Each structure stands twice: as structure tokens, then as C-alpha cells.
Protein backbone atom coordinates (compact mmCIF):
# COMPACT_ATOMS: atom_id res chain seq x y z
CA MET A 1 0.01 0.14 -0.01
CA ASN A 2 1.39 3.38 -0.95
CA GLU A 3 1.56 5.40 2.15
CA ARG A 4 3.34 8.63 0.53
CA PRO A 5 1.43 12.00 1.40
CA ALA A 6 -0.61 13.62 -1.10
CA ARG A 7 1.40 15.91 -3.37
CA VAL A 8 -0.21 19.15 -3.69
CA VAL A 9 0.92 22.18 -5.56
CA MET A 10 -0.14 26.03 -5.20
CA VAL A 11 0.26 28.20 -8.16
CA CYS A 12 0.47 31.80 -8.49
CA THR A 13 2.61 34.25 -10.75
CA GLY A 14 5.83 35.06 -8.82
CA ASN A 15 5.38 32.33 -6.05
CA ILE A 16 5.99 35.25 -3.49
CA CYS A 17 2.69 36.26 -2.08
CA ARG A 18 -0.45 34.15 -2.82
CA SER A 19 0.90 30.75 -3.60
CA PRO A 20 3.44 30.62 -0.74
CA ALA A 21 0.42 31.67 1.61
CA MET A 22 -1.66 29.00 0.18
CA HIS A 23 1.12 26.47 0.43
CA TYR A 24 2.15 27.00 4.36
CA PHE A 25 -1.52 27.52 5.34
CA ALA A 26 -2.50 24.27 3.65
CA GLN A 27 0.68 22.55 4.97
CA ASN A 28 -0.29 23.71 8.59
CA GLU A 29 -3.97 22.46 7.95
CA TRP A 30 -3.19 19.12 6.32
CA GLY A 31 0.15 18.09 8.27
CA ASP A 32 1.39 14.67 7.42
CA ALA A 33 -1.40 13.96 5.10
CA ALA A 34 0.19 16.27 2.39
CA GLU A 35 3.30 17.40 0.89
CA VAL A 36 2.60 20.77 -0.12
CA THR A 37 4.71 23.01 -2.51
CA SER A 38 4.36 26.18 -4.44
CA ALA A 39 5.44 27.38 -7.76
CA GLY A 40 4.98 30.47 -10.09
CA ILE A 41 4.35 30.82 -13.74
CA HIS A 42 6.74 33.49 -13.84
CA ALA A 43 8.79 32.98 -10.54
CA GLU A 44 10.68 35.90 -8.84
CA ILE A 45 13.89 33.62 -8.38
CA GLY A 46 15.98 35.14 -5.31
CA MET A 47 13.07 37.05 -3.83
CA ASP A 48 11.16 35.92 -0.59
CA VAL A 49 7.65 36.42 0.73
CA PRO A 50 7.08 40.19 1.46
CA THR A 51 6.54 41.48 4.81
CA PRO A 52 2.87 42.54 4.32
CA MET A 53 1.87 38.80 3.26
CA ARG A 54 3.68 37.56 6.31
CA MET A 55 1.85 39.92 8.51
CA SER A 56 -1.42 38.87 7.03
CA ALA A 57 -0.52 35.32 7.58
CA ARG A 58 0.12 35.96 11.24
CA ARG A 59 -3.36 37.27 11.73
CA HIS A 60 -4.35 33.69 11.00
CA GLY A 61 -1.76 32.17 13.31
CA LEU A 62 0.78 31.21 10.66
CA ASP A 63 4.55 32.18 10.31
CA ILE A 64 5.60 31.63 6.78
CA PRO A 65 9.35 30.36 6.85
CA ARG A 66 12.01 31.73 4.44
CA HIS A 67 10.82 31.02 1.07
CA ARG A 68 12.62 30.18 -2.38
CA PRO A 69 10.40 30.80 -5.24
CA THR A 70 9.95 27.98 -7.74
CA GLN A 71 9.40 28.05 -11.50
CA LEU A 72 6.30 25.83 -12.37
CA ASP A 73 6.73 23.22 -15.20
CA HIS A 74 5.21 20.34 -16.66
CA ARG A 75 6.96 17.91 -14.32
CA ILE A 76 5.61 19.66 -11.05
CA ILE A 77 2.24 19.66 -12.44
CA GLU A 78 2.36 15.89 -13.63
CA ASN A 79 3.84 14.72 -10.26
CA ALA A 80 0.93 16.40 -8.25
CA ASP A 81 -2.15 14.78 -6.94
CA LEU A 82 -3.89 18.26 -6.65
CA VAL A 83 -3.04 21.60 -8.20
CA LEU A 84 -4.64 24.83 -6.90
CA VAL A 85 -4.21 28.13 -8.69
CA ALA A 86 -4.78 31.75 -7.81
CA THR A 87 -6.24 32.93 -11.03
CA GLN A 88 -7.60 31.98 -14.61
CA GLN A 89 -4.19 33.14 -15.93
CA HIS A 90 -2.53 30.49 -13.98
CA ALA A 91 -5.26 27.99 -15.22
CA THR A 92 -4.53 28.91 -18.77
CA TRP A 93 -0.85 28.65 -18.46
CA ILE A 94 -1.25 25.07 -17.16
CA GLU A 95 -3.83 24.25 -19.83
CA GLU A 96 -1.38 25.38 -22.60
CA GLU A 97 1.72 23.57 -20.91
CA TRP A 98 -0.41 20.41 -20.30
CA ASN A 99 -2.23 20.56 -23.74
CA GLY A 100 -5.72 20.70 -21.86
CA VAL A 101 -7.08 20.97 -18.42
CA PRO A 102 -5.69 18.47 -16.17
CA ALA A 103 -8.38 16.77 -14.17
CA HIS A 104 -6.40 17.47 -10.85
CA SER A 105 -5.96 21.31 -11.26
CA PHE A 106 -8.46 23.78 -9.95
CA GLY A 107 -8.71 27.50 -8.97
CA ILE A 108 -8.63 27.54 -5.35
CA LYS A 109 -12.09 29.61 -5.24
CA GLU A 110 -13.47 27.25 -7.79
CA ALA A 111 -12.31 24.20 -5.49
CA HIS A 112 -14.03 26.00 -2.51
CA GLU A 113 -17.34 26.41 -4.27
CA LEU A 114 -17.37 22.87 -5.72
CA THR A 115 -17.05 21.54 -2.07
CA GLU A 116 -20.42 23.04 -1.48
CA ARG A 117 -21.95 20.36 -3.70
CA ALA A 118 -19.29 17.78 -4.30
CA GLU A 119 -19.47 14.21 -2.54
CA PRO A 120 -16.66 14.30 -0.03
CA PRO A 121 -13.64 12.14 -0.94
CA MET A 122 -13.47 8.71 0.02
CA GLY A 123 -10.50 7.27 2.32
CA ALA A 124 -9.96 5.92 5.92
CA SER A 125 -7.41 8.48 6.86
CA PRO A 126 -6.84 12.33 5.72
CA ARG A 127 -3.92 11.15 3.51
CA GLU A 128 -6.30 8.94 1.40
CA ARG A 129 -9.12 11.46 1.28
CA LEU A 130 -6.57 14.19 0.19
CA MET A 131 -5.30 11.94 -2.36
CA ASN A 132 -8.92 11.35 -3.57
CA THR A 133 -9.80 15.04 -3.26
CA ALA A 134 -9.20 15.99 -7.15
CA ALA A 135 -11.21 13.22 -8.24
CA ALA A 136 -14.15 14.10 -6.06
CA LEU A 137 -13.61 17.70 -7.26
CA HIS A 138 -13.49 16.89 -10.93
CA THR A 139 -16.65 14.72 -10.85
CA ALA A 140 -18.52 17.75 -9.49
CA ARG A 141 -17.13 20.06 -12.04
CA LYS A 142 -18.09 17.70 -14.92
CA GLU A 143 -21.66 17.65 -13.39
CA GLN A 144 -21.93 21.39 -13.08
CA ALA A 145 -18.82 23.83 -13.48
CA ALA A 146 -18.11 26.43 -10.87
CA PRO A 147 -16.38 29.61 -12.07
CA LEU A 148 -12.68 29.99 -11.64
CA ARG A 149 -12.80 33.26 -9.65
CA SER A 150 -9.45 34.92 -9.37
CA LEU A 151 -7.58 35.58 -6.24
CA ASP A 152 -6.14 39.23 -6.59
CA ASP A 153 -2.50 39.82 -6.60
CA PRO A 154 -1.75 41.90 -3.60
CA TRP A 155 1.88 42.55 -4.60
CA SER A 156 3.08 46.16 -3.81
CA LEU A 157 -0.42 47.14 -2.69
CA ASP A 158 -1.69 48.15 0.56
CA GLN A 159 -2.09 46.02 3.73
CA GLU A 160 -5.74 45.94 3.51
CA THR A 161 -5.50 43.95 0.19
CA TYR A 162 -2.82 41.69 1.47
CA ASP A 163 -5.19 40.91 4.55
CA ARG A 164 -8.30 40.42 2.46
CA VAL A 165 -6.30 38.10 0.03
CA MET A 166 -5.00 35.91 3.00
CA ASP A 167 -8.72 35.86 4.42
CA GLU A 168 -9.79 34.53 1.08
CA ILE A 169 -7.04 31.95 0.89
CA ALA A 170 -7.88 30.74 4.61
CA GLU A 171 -11.59 30.64 4.06
CA SER A 172 -11.01 28.48 0.89
CA LEU A 173 -8.53 26.32 2.47
CA VAL A 174 -10.63 25.83 5.67
CA ALA A 175 -13.60 24.99 3.48
CA ILE A 176 -11.72 22.44 1.67
CA THR A 177 -10.26 20.85 4.83
CA ALA A 178 -13.81 20.54 6.46
CA TRP A 179 -15.25 19.02 3.41
CA ALA A 180 -12.54 16.44 2.80
CA ARG A 181 -12.25 15.83 6.58
CA LEU A 182 -8.55 16.52 6.43
CA ALA A 183 -8.14 17.58 10.04
CA ASP A 184 -9.65 14.13 11.31
CA GLY A 185 -7.42 11.48 12.50
């Protein structure tokens, strides 16, 4: 039996604001059930998560560690069990890279909305349920699509924008966690 954690990738543009916040929040929520990483379609190599994003994360009890941006590529998508993107632009980039929409890739807000009508994923453990999350979301998407609403890019904007974006990330990931029972032992 395969006991590896589910591989989850969070995607944004530069991999310095939204996707690292998604990455570390999900890793905190999902613990050993997940191996969460993040990447950017135009990664800002050499940069780190800006202070305003860190401050917003702290409001949710999350300390983001030093982060090194990663450039998204086909291999990262292929090796993931679940991919959550911040915007339609990111979904389009993946679709072009993949030559179609991968069944395991969703907008974070799209996934959140799909949890409101999707059957929860099957599995005896959080790891198994997370491994089956993309299939459950994909089934719901085939039955009735949800819009891929974008998560605004807060880069270089005011603290209020960073806070709003972090609140939206937390709301979506908490909803996914509850729906898939990822916090249950």
C-alpha cells in the first residue's frame, strides 16, 4: 500500500505572495497527509515572501518560513495529486503547458465552491481523502462547473489588500479541509 503523502501544488505568478501563503497555510492544516509545495508561472527567483503577506498570515496564526520561489513546469504538474491555482491566468498557463485542462487542477476559489455540492472524497485517513480530493472535485466540475474566480494579486498594494487576499485563502482552504475531513485522524 502506498503510504506517501498527497502531493499538492499551489500556483500563482511570482511564487512570493499568494501561492506561498496557500502552501504554508495548507501544510499547517493538512499536516502529514500532504506534501505541499508552491510554484509560479513567472517565479521571482531570489525573492522572498514580502513583509505585508507575512503580517497577513500571522493574523491567521501562520508564520511563513524563508521561502525560495520555484518556476512551475510540466513535471511539477504531472507529479501532483492536486493543483490549486490563484487565477484564470494560471489555469490557462497550465492548460497550455499540459495541452488541456488536467483533471487534478482547480482554482482555489473554484475548489471551494465545488465543495459545497461535491461528494466528499473517500478514504479511511486524511492522506487517503486528500489523494482522492481531485477526483471528487473533478466529478462535481463535470456535473456542474464552478467559475474560476481569481484571487487578486496583492503585490505592492496596501496592507488591507494583503489581509483580504489572505482571508480569502484561509476561507477556501478551511472549507476544503472541512469538506474532505482532512483534520480528522
